[in-house]
Amino acid sequence: MSEFQPVAACGLTPQPEAAAYDRRWLVTNDAGQWLDRERFPKLAEITVQLRMGYLVLKAPGMLRMDIPLDVIEDDDSVRHRIALGGQELDVVDEGQLAAAWLSNFIGIPCRLLKVHPDMGEVRWPDRQA
């Protein structure tokens, strides 16, 4: 059975429907740099599931966080470009609530970014992370 990682560097899920969302979100610091498990091992403690149209994040000591799967904000103020492994990604910021949840759990200011659907395939620097 395959496992998928909707949020890069976070927990895996065996849900077949997660294949379409494999590594479509990432956690960055407030400067837009991707956080990986090597430098931030707490990311591996975040479990990820898909449930009723939502990306559901859970972590020890935290209430769960539900993020709509397929909503892309058309407000350009939440759309950004970030560098990742020699490529530039078009991403959408998932908002202040998700940022506060991640920041509280990880212990530094963080953002949850979704790779824009028009972006296509992302070349991740480290497939393990």
N, C-alpha and C. Protein backbone atom coordinates (compact mmCIF):
# COMPACT_ATOMS: atom_id res chain seq x y z
N MET A 1 0.84 -1.18 0.00
CA MET A 1 0.00 0.00 0.00
C MET A 1 0.88 1.25 0.00
N SER A 2 0.55 2.19 -0.85
CA SER A 2 1.30 3.45 -0.93
C SER A 2 0.84 4.40 0.17
N GLU A 3 1.76 5.24 0.57
CA GLU A 3 1.42 6.30 1.51
C GLU A 3 1.74 7.63 0.85
N PHE A 4 0.97 8.63 1.21
CA PHE A 4 1.10 9.94 0.59
C PHE A 4 1.34 11.00 1.67
N GLN A 5 1.93 12.10 1.24
CA GLN A 5 2.32 13.15 2.16
C GLN A 5 1.75 14.48 1.65
N PRO A 6 0.49 14.78 1.95
CA PRO A 6 -0.08 16.03 1.45
C PRO A 6 0.69 17.28 1.86
N VAL A 7 1.20 17.29 3.11
CA VAL A 7 2.01 18.42 3.56
C VAL A 7 3.45 17.94 3.63
N ALA A 8 4.28 18.49 2.76
CA ALA A 8 5.68 18.07 2.68
C ALA A 8 6.34 18.14 4.04
N ALA A 9 7.01 17.07 4.43
CA ALA A 9 7.76 16.92 5.69
C ALA A 9 6.88 16.56 6.88
N CYS A 10 5.56 16.52 6.70
CA CYS A 10 4.68 16.11 7.80
C CYS A 10 4.35 14.63 7.64
N GLY A 11 3.39 14.15 8.43
CA GLY A 11 3.05 12.74 8.45
C GLY A 11 2.48 12.21 7.14
N LEU A 12 2.54 10.89 7.01
CA LEU A 12 2.03 10.19 5.83
C LEU A 12 0.61 9.70 6.08
N THR A 13 -0.13 9.50 5.00
CA THR A 13 -1.46 8.91 5.09
C THR A 13 -1.61 7.85 4.00
N PRO A 14 -2.24 6.70 4.31
CA PRO A 14 -2.46 5.67 3.31
C PRO A 14 -3.72 5.90 2.48
N GLN A 15 -4.44 6.97 2.71
CA GLN A 15 -5.70 7.21 2.01
C GLN A 15 -5.45 7.35 0.50
N PRO A 16 -6.09 6.51 -0.32
CA PRO A 16 -5.86 6.58 -1.77
C PRO A 16 -6.19 7.95 -2.37
N GLU A 17 -7.21 8.62 -1.83
CA GLU A 17 -7.58 9.93 -2.36
C GLU A 17 -6.51 10.99 -2.11
N ALA A 18 -5.57 10.70 -1.23
CA ALA A 18 -4.49 11.65 -0.95
C ALA A 18 -3.47 11.71 -2.08
N ALA A 19 -3.49 10.76 -2.99
CA ALA A 19 -2.53 10.75 -4.11
C ALA A 19 -2.60 12.05 -4.91
N ALA A 20 -3.80 12.57 -5.10
CA ALA A 20 -3.98 13.80 -5.87
C ALA A 20 -3.42 15.03 -5.16
N TYR A 21 -3.16 14.90 -3.86
CA TYR A 21 -2.69 16.03 -3.05
C TYR A 21 -1.29 15.81 -2.50
N ASP A 22 -0.58 14.80 -3.00
CA ASP A 22 0.74 14.48 -2.47
C ASP A 22 1.69 15.66 -2.63
N ARG A 23 2.18 16.15 -1.49
CA ARG A 23 3.15 17.24 -1.42
C ARG A 23 2.66 18.51 -2.13
N ARG A 24 1.40 18.85 -1.88
CA ARG A 24 0.85 20.09 -2.46
C ARG A 24 0.83 21.23 -1.45
N TRP A 25 1.17 20.95 -0.19
CA TRP A 25 1.32 21.99 0.83
C TRP A 25 2.73 21.90 1.39
N LEU A 26 3.20 23.01 1.94
CA LEU A 26 4.47 23.01 2.62
C LEU A 26 4.44 24.03 3.74
N VAL A 27 5.28 23.80 4.72
CA VAL A 27 5.42 24.70 5.85
C VAL A 27 6.70 25.50 5.63
N THR A 28 6.59 26.82 5.77
CA THR A 28 7.76 27.68 5.64
C THR A 28 7.92 28.53 6.90
N ASN A 29 9.11 29.08 7.05
CA ASN A 29 9.28 30.08 8.10
C ASN A 29 8.72 31.40 7.58
N ASP A 30 8.76 32.44 8.39
CA ASP A 30 8.15 33.70 7.96
C ASP A 30 8.92 34.39 6.84
N ALA A 31 10.10 33.89 6.50
CA ALA A 31 10.87 34.42 5.36
C ALA A 31 10.62 33.62 4.08
N GLY A 32 9.72 32.62 4.14
CA GLY A 32 9.39 31.85 2.95
C GLY A 32 10.32 30.69 2.67
N GLN A 33 11.14 30.27 3.64
CA GLN A 33 12.05 29.14 3.45
C GLN A 33 11.37 27.87 3.94
N TRP A 34 11.41 26.83 3.11
CA TRP A 34 10.78 25.55 3.42
C TRP A 34 11.40 24.93 4.66
N LEU A 35 10.56 24.44 5.56
CA LEU A 35 11.01 23.74 6.76
C LEU A 35 10.97 22.25 6.49
N ASP A 36 12.09 21.57 6.70
CA ASP A 36 12.14 20.12 6.49
C ASP A 36 12.32 19.41 7.83
N ARG A 37 12.17 18.09 7.80
CA ARG A 37 12.26 17.29 9.03
C ARG A 37 13.66 17.29 9.63
N GLU A 38 14.65 17.43 8.79
CA GLU A 38 16.03 17.39 9.30
C GLU A 38 16.27 18.52 10.31
N ARG A 39 15.82 19.71 9.97
CA ARG A 39 16.01 20.86 10.86
C ARG A 39 14.85 21.03 11.85
N PHE A 40 13.68 20.51 11.50
CA PHE A 40 12.48 20.67 12.34
C PHE A 40 11.78 19.32 12.48
N PRO A 41 12.34 18.42 13.31
CA PRO A 41 11.79 17.06 13.44
C PRO A 41 10.36 17.02 13.96
N LYS A 42 9.88 18.08 14.60
CA LYS A 42 8.49 18.09 15.08
C LYS A 42 7.48 18.00 13.95
N LEU A 43 7.89 18.35 12.73
CA LEU A 43 6.98 18.25 11.58
C LEU A 43 6.47 16.82 11.42
N ALA A 44 7.31 15.83 11.72
CA ALA A 44 6.93 14.43 11.57
C ALA A 44 5.82 14.04 12.55
N GLU A 45 5.62 14.82 13.61
CA GLU A 45 4.58 14.53 14.60
C GLU A 45 3.20 15.02 14.15
N ILE A 46 3.16 15.79 13.08
CA ILE A 46 1.88 16.29 12.57
C ILE A 46 1.27 15.22 11.66
N THR A 47 0.11 14.72 12.07
CA THR A 47 -0.58 13.73 11.24
C THR A 47 -1.51 14.45 10.28
N VAL A 48 -1.69 13.83 9.12
CA VAL A 48 -2.47 14.45 8.06
C VAL A 48 -3.48 13.44 7.53
N GLN A 49 -4.73 13.87 7.40
CA GLN A 49 -5.78 13.05 6.81
C GLN A 49 -6.61 13.93 5.90
N LEU A 50 -7.32 13.29 4.97
CA LEU A 50 -8.31 13.98 4.17
C LEU A 50 -9.67 13.52 4.68
N ARG A 51 -10.54 14.49 4.96
CA ARG A 51 -11.86 14.14 5.48
C ARG A 51 -12.90 15.15 5.00
N MET A 52 -13.90 14.65 4.26
CA MET A 52 -15.05 15.45 3.84
C MET A 52 -14.66 16.79 3.21
N GLY A 53 -13.70 16.76 2.30
CA GLY A 53 -13.29 17.97 1.61
C GLY A 53 -12.28 18.84 2.35
N TYR A 54 -11.70 18.30 3.42
CA TYR A 54 -10.73 19.07 4.21
C TYR A 54 -9.43 18.31 4.38
N LEU A 55 -8.36 19.07 4.47
CA LEU A 55 -7.06 18.58 4.92
C LEU A 55 -7.10 18.74 6.44
N VAL A 56 -6.95 17.65 7.17
CA VAL A 56 -7.06 17.68 8.62
C VAL A 56 -5.68 17.44 9.23
N LEU A 57 -5.20 18.42 9.99
CA LEU A 57 -3.91 18.33 10.65
C LEU A 57 -4.14 18.11 12.14
N LYS A 58 -3.38 17.18 12.71
CA LYS A 58 -3.43 16.92 14.15
C LYS A 58 -2.01 16.82 14.66
N ALA A 59 -1.81 17.26 15.90
CA ALA A 59 -0.49 17.18 16.53
C ALA A 59 -0.70 17.04 18.04
N PRO A 60 0.26 16.42 18.73
CA PRO A 60 0.15 16.25 20.17
C PRO A 60 -0.08 17.59 20.90
N GLY A 61 -1.09 17.61 21.76
CA GLY A 61 -1.37 18.80 22.55
C GLY A 61 -2.08 19.92 21.81
N MET A 62 -2.51 19.67 20.57
CA MET A 62 -3.14 20.70 19.75
C MET A 62 -4.55 20.26 19.35
N LEU A 63 -5.46 21.22 19.23
CA LEU A 63 -6.75 20.94 18.60
C LEU A 63 -6.49 20.69 17.12
N ARG A 64 -7.37 19.96 16.47
CA ARG A 64 -7.14 19.71 15.04
C ARG A 64 -7.38 20.97 14.23
N MET A 65 -6.71 21.02 13.07
CA MET A 65 -6.84 22.14 12.14
C MET A 65 -7.42 21.60 10.84
N ASP A 66 -8.53 22.15 10.37
CA ASP A 66 -9.17 21.74 9.12
C ASP A 66 -8.98 22.83 8.07
N ILE A 67 -8.41 22.44 6.94
CA ILE A 67 -8.14 23.38 5.84
C ILE A 67 -8.92 22.88 4.61
N PRO A 68 -9.75 23.71 3.97
CA PRO A 68 -10.45 23.26 2.76
C PRO A 68 -9.45 22.81 1.69
N LEU A 69 -9.74 21.66 1.05
CA LEU A 69 -8.80 21.09 0.08
C LEU A 69 -8.68 21.89 -1.20
N ASP A 70 -9.78 22.23 -1.81
CA ASP A 70 -9.73 22.74 -3.17
C ASP A 70 -10.11 24.19 -3.34
N VAL A 71 -10.10 24.95 -2.27
CA VAL A 71 -10.40 26.37 -2.36
C VAL A 71 -9.11 27.12 -2.64
N ILE A 72 -9.12 27.86 -3.72
CA ILE A 72 -7.98 28.73 -4.02
C ILE A 72 -8.48 30.16 -3.97
N GLU A 73 -7.93 30.91 -3.06
CA GLU A 73 -8.31 32.30 -2.89
C GLU A 73 -7.92 33.09 -4.13
N ASP A 74 -8.86 33.87 -4.68
CA ASP A 74 -8.55 34.65 -5.87
C ASP A 74 -7.98 36.03 -5.52
N ASP A 75 -7.74 36.25 -4.26
CA ASP A 75 -7.15 37.50 -3.79
C ASP A 75 -5.63 37.40 -3.97
N ASP A 76 -5.08 38.24 -4.83
CA ASP A 76 -3.65 38.19 -5.13
C ASP A 76 -2.77 38.51 -3.92
N SER A 77 -3.35 39.08 -2.86
CA SER A 77 -2.54 39.41 -1.69
C SER A 77 -2.09 38.16 -0.93
N VAL A 78 -2.72 37.00 -1.16
CA VAL A 78 -2.31 35.76 -0.48
C VAL A 78 -1.50 34.85 -1.40
N ARG A 79 -1.26 35.30 -2.60
CA ARG A 79 -0.48 34.53 -3.57
C ARG A 79 0.95 35.06 -3.58
N HIS A 80 1.90 34.12 -3.52
CA HIS A 80 3.32 34.50 -3.42
C HIS A 80 4.16 33.62 -4.33
N ARG A 81 5.42 34.02 -4.49
CA ARG A 81 6.41 33.20 -5.18
C ARG A 81 7.52 32.96 -4.18
N ILE A 82 7.92 31.69 -4.06
CA ILE A 82 9.02 31.35 -3.17
C ILE A 82 10.01 30.47 -3.92
N ALA A 83 11.24 30.46 -3.46
CA ALA A 83 12.29 29.62 -4.05
C ALA A 83 12.35 28.30 -3.30
N LEU A 84 12.49 27.21 -4.05
CA LEU A 84 12.63 25.88 -3.44
C LEU A 84 13.51 25.04 -4.35
N GLY A 85 14.71 24.72 -3.87
CA GLY A 85 15.59 23.83 -4.61
C GLY A 85 15.86 24.25 -6.04
N GLY A 86 16.11 25.51 -6.28
CA GLY A 86 16.46 25.98 -7.61
C GLY A 86 15.27 26.26 -8.51
N GLN A 87 14.07 26.17 -7.99
CA GLN A 87 12.89 26.52 -8.78
C GLN A 87 12.07 27.56 -8.03
N GLU A 88 11.20 28.22 -8.74
CA GLU A 88 10.32 29.20 -8.12
C GLU A 88 8.91 28.62 -8.09
N LEU A 89 8.29 28.62 -6.91
CA LEU A 89 6.95 28.08 -6.76
C LEU A 89 5.93 29.20 -6.64
N ASP A 90 4.78 28.98 -7.26
CA ASP A 90 3.63 29.85 -7.10
C ASP A 90 2.79 29.22 -5.99
N VAL A 91 2.61 29.92 -4.88
CA VAL A 91 1.93 29.37 -3.71
C VAL A 91 0.84 30.31 -3.21
N VAL A 92 -0.09 29.71 -2.45
CA VAL A 92 -1.18 30.46 -1.83
C VAL A 92 -1.07 30.27 -0.32
N ASP A 93 -1.05 31.36 0.42
CA ASP A 93 -0.97 31.30 1.87
C ASP A 93 -2.32 30.87 2.44
N GLU A 94 -2.32 29.87 3.32
CA GLU A 94 -3.57 29.34 3.88
C GLU A 94 -4.11 30.16 5.06
N GLY A 95 -3.49 31.26 5.37
CA GLY A 95 -4.09 32.18 6.33
C GLY A 95 -3.49 32.18 7.73
N GLN A 96 -3.98 33.14 8.50
CA GLN A 96 -3.43 33.41 9.82
C GLN A 96 -3.72 32.30 10.83
N LEU A 97 -4.90 31.67 10.76
CA LEU A 97 -5.23 30.62 11.72
C LEU A 97 -4.30 29.42 11.56
N ALA A 98 -4.08 28.99 10.31
CA ALA A 98 -3.15 27.87 10.05
C ALA A 98 -1.73 28.26 10.47
N ALA A 99 -1.34 29.50 10.20
CA ALA A 99 0.00 29.98 10.58
C ALA A 99 0.17 29.95 12.10
N ALA A 100 -0.85 30.40 12.83
CA ALA A 100 -0.76 30.42 14.29
C ALA A 100 -0.69 28.99 14.84
N TRP A 101 -1.47 28.09 14.27
CA TRP A 101 -1.48 26.69 14.71
C TRP A 101 -0.08 26.08 14.54
N LEU A 102 0.48 26.22 13.35
CA LEU A 102 1.81 25.66 13.08
C LEU A 102 2.89 26.34 13.92
N SER A 103 2.82 27.65 14.02
CA SER A 103 3.82 28.40 14.79
C SER A 103 3.82 27.96 16.25
N ASN A 104 2.64 27.76 16.80
CA ASN A 104 2.51 27.33 18.18
C ASN A 104 3.12 25.94 18.37
N PHE A 105 2.86 25.03 17.43
CA PHE A 105 3.37 23.68 17.57
C PHE A 105 4.88 23.59 17.29
N ILE A 106 5.34 24.21 16.22
CA ILE A 106 6.75 24.11 15.82
C ILE A 106 7.65 24.97 16.73
N GLY A 107 7.13 26.10 17.18
CA GLY A 107 7.91 26.94 18.09
C GLY A 107 8.60 28.12 17.44
N ILE A 108 8.36 28.33 16.15
CA ILE A 108 8.88 29.52 15.44
C ILE A 108 7.76 30.04 14.53
N PRO A 109 7.84 31.29 14.08
CA PRO A 109 6.81 31.78 13.16
C PRO A 109 6.82 30.97 11.86
N CYS A 110 5.65 30.41 11.50
CA CYS A 110 5.51 29.55 10.31
C CYS A 110 4.31 29.97 9.48
N ARG A 111 4.30 29.52 8.24
CA ARG A 111 3.16 29.71 7.33
C ARG A 111 2.88 28.36 6.68
N LEU A 112 1.60 28.10 6.39
CA LEU A 112 1.21 26.94 5.59
C LEU A 112 0.87 27.45 4.20
N LEU A 113 1.60 26.94 3.21
CA LEU A 113 1.42 27.39 1.83
C LEU A 113 0.96 26.23 0.97
N LYS A 114 0.02 26.50 0.07
CA LYS A 114 -0.44 25.49 -0.88
C LYS A 114 0.15 25.82 -2.24
N VAL A 115 0.73 24.81 -2.87
CA VAL A 115 1.23 24.99 -4.23
C VAL A 115 0.03 25.26 -5.13
N HIS A 116 0.07 26.33 -5.88
CA HIS A 116 -1.05 26.68 -6.75
C HIS A 116 -1.29 25.56 -7.76
N PRO A 117 -2.55 25.20 -8.02
CA PRO A 117 -2.84 24.08 -8.94
C PRO A 117 -2.26 24.27 -10.34
N ASP A 118 -2.08 25.50 -10.78
CA ASP A 118 -1.50 25.75 -12.10
C ASP A 118 0.00 25.51 -12.14
N MET A 119 0.61 25.28 -10.98
CA MET A 119 2.06 25.15 -10.87
C MET A 119 2.59 23.88 -11.51
N GLY A 120 1.84 22.80 -11.48
CA GLY A 120 2.36 21.54 -12.01
C GLY A 120 3.24 20.84 -10.99
N GLU A 121 4.12 19.98 -11.47
CA GLU A 121 4.96 19.17 -10.58
C GLU A 121 6.04 20.01 -9.91
N VAL A 122 6.30 19.69 -8.66
CA VAL A 122 7.33 20.36 -7.88
C VAL A 122 8.52 19.40 -7.74
N ARG A 123 9.72 19.91 -7.96
CA ARG A 123 10.94 19.12 -7.75
C ARG A 123 11.43 19.39 -6.33
N TRP A 124 11.16 18.45 -5.42
CA TRP A 124 11.55 18.63 -4.03
C TRP A 124 13.03 18.34 -3.86
N PRO A 125 13.74 19.16 -3.06
CA PRO A 125 15.17 18.96 -2.87
C PRO A 125 15.51 17.59 -2.27
N ASP A 126 14.65 17.06 -1.40
CA ASP A 126 14.94 15.80 -0.73
C ASP A 126 13.65 15.01 -0.65
N ARG A 127 13.56 13.92 -1.37
CA ARG A 127 12.32 13.14 -1.41
C ARG A 127 11.94 12.57 -0.04
N GLN A 128 12.91 12.32 0.82
CA GLN A 128 12.66 11.78 2.15
C GLN A 128 11.94 12.80 3.03
N ALA A 129 12.32 14.05 2.92
CA ALA A 129 11.80 15.08 3.80
C ALA A 129 10.35 15.34 3.50
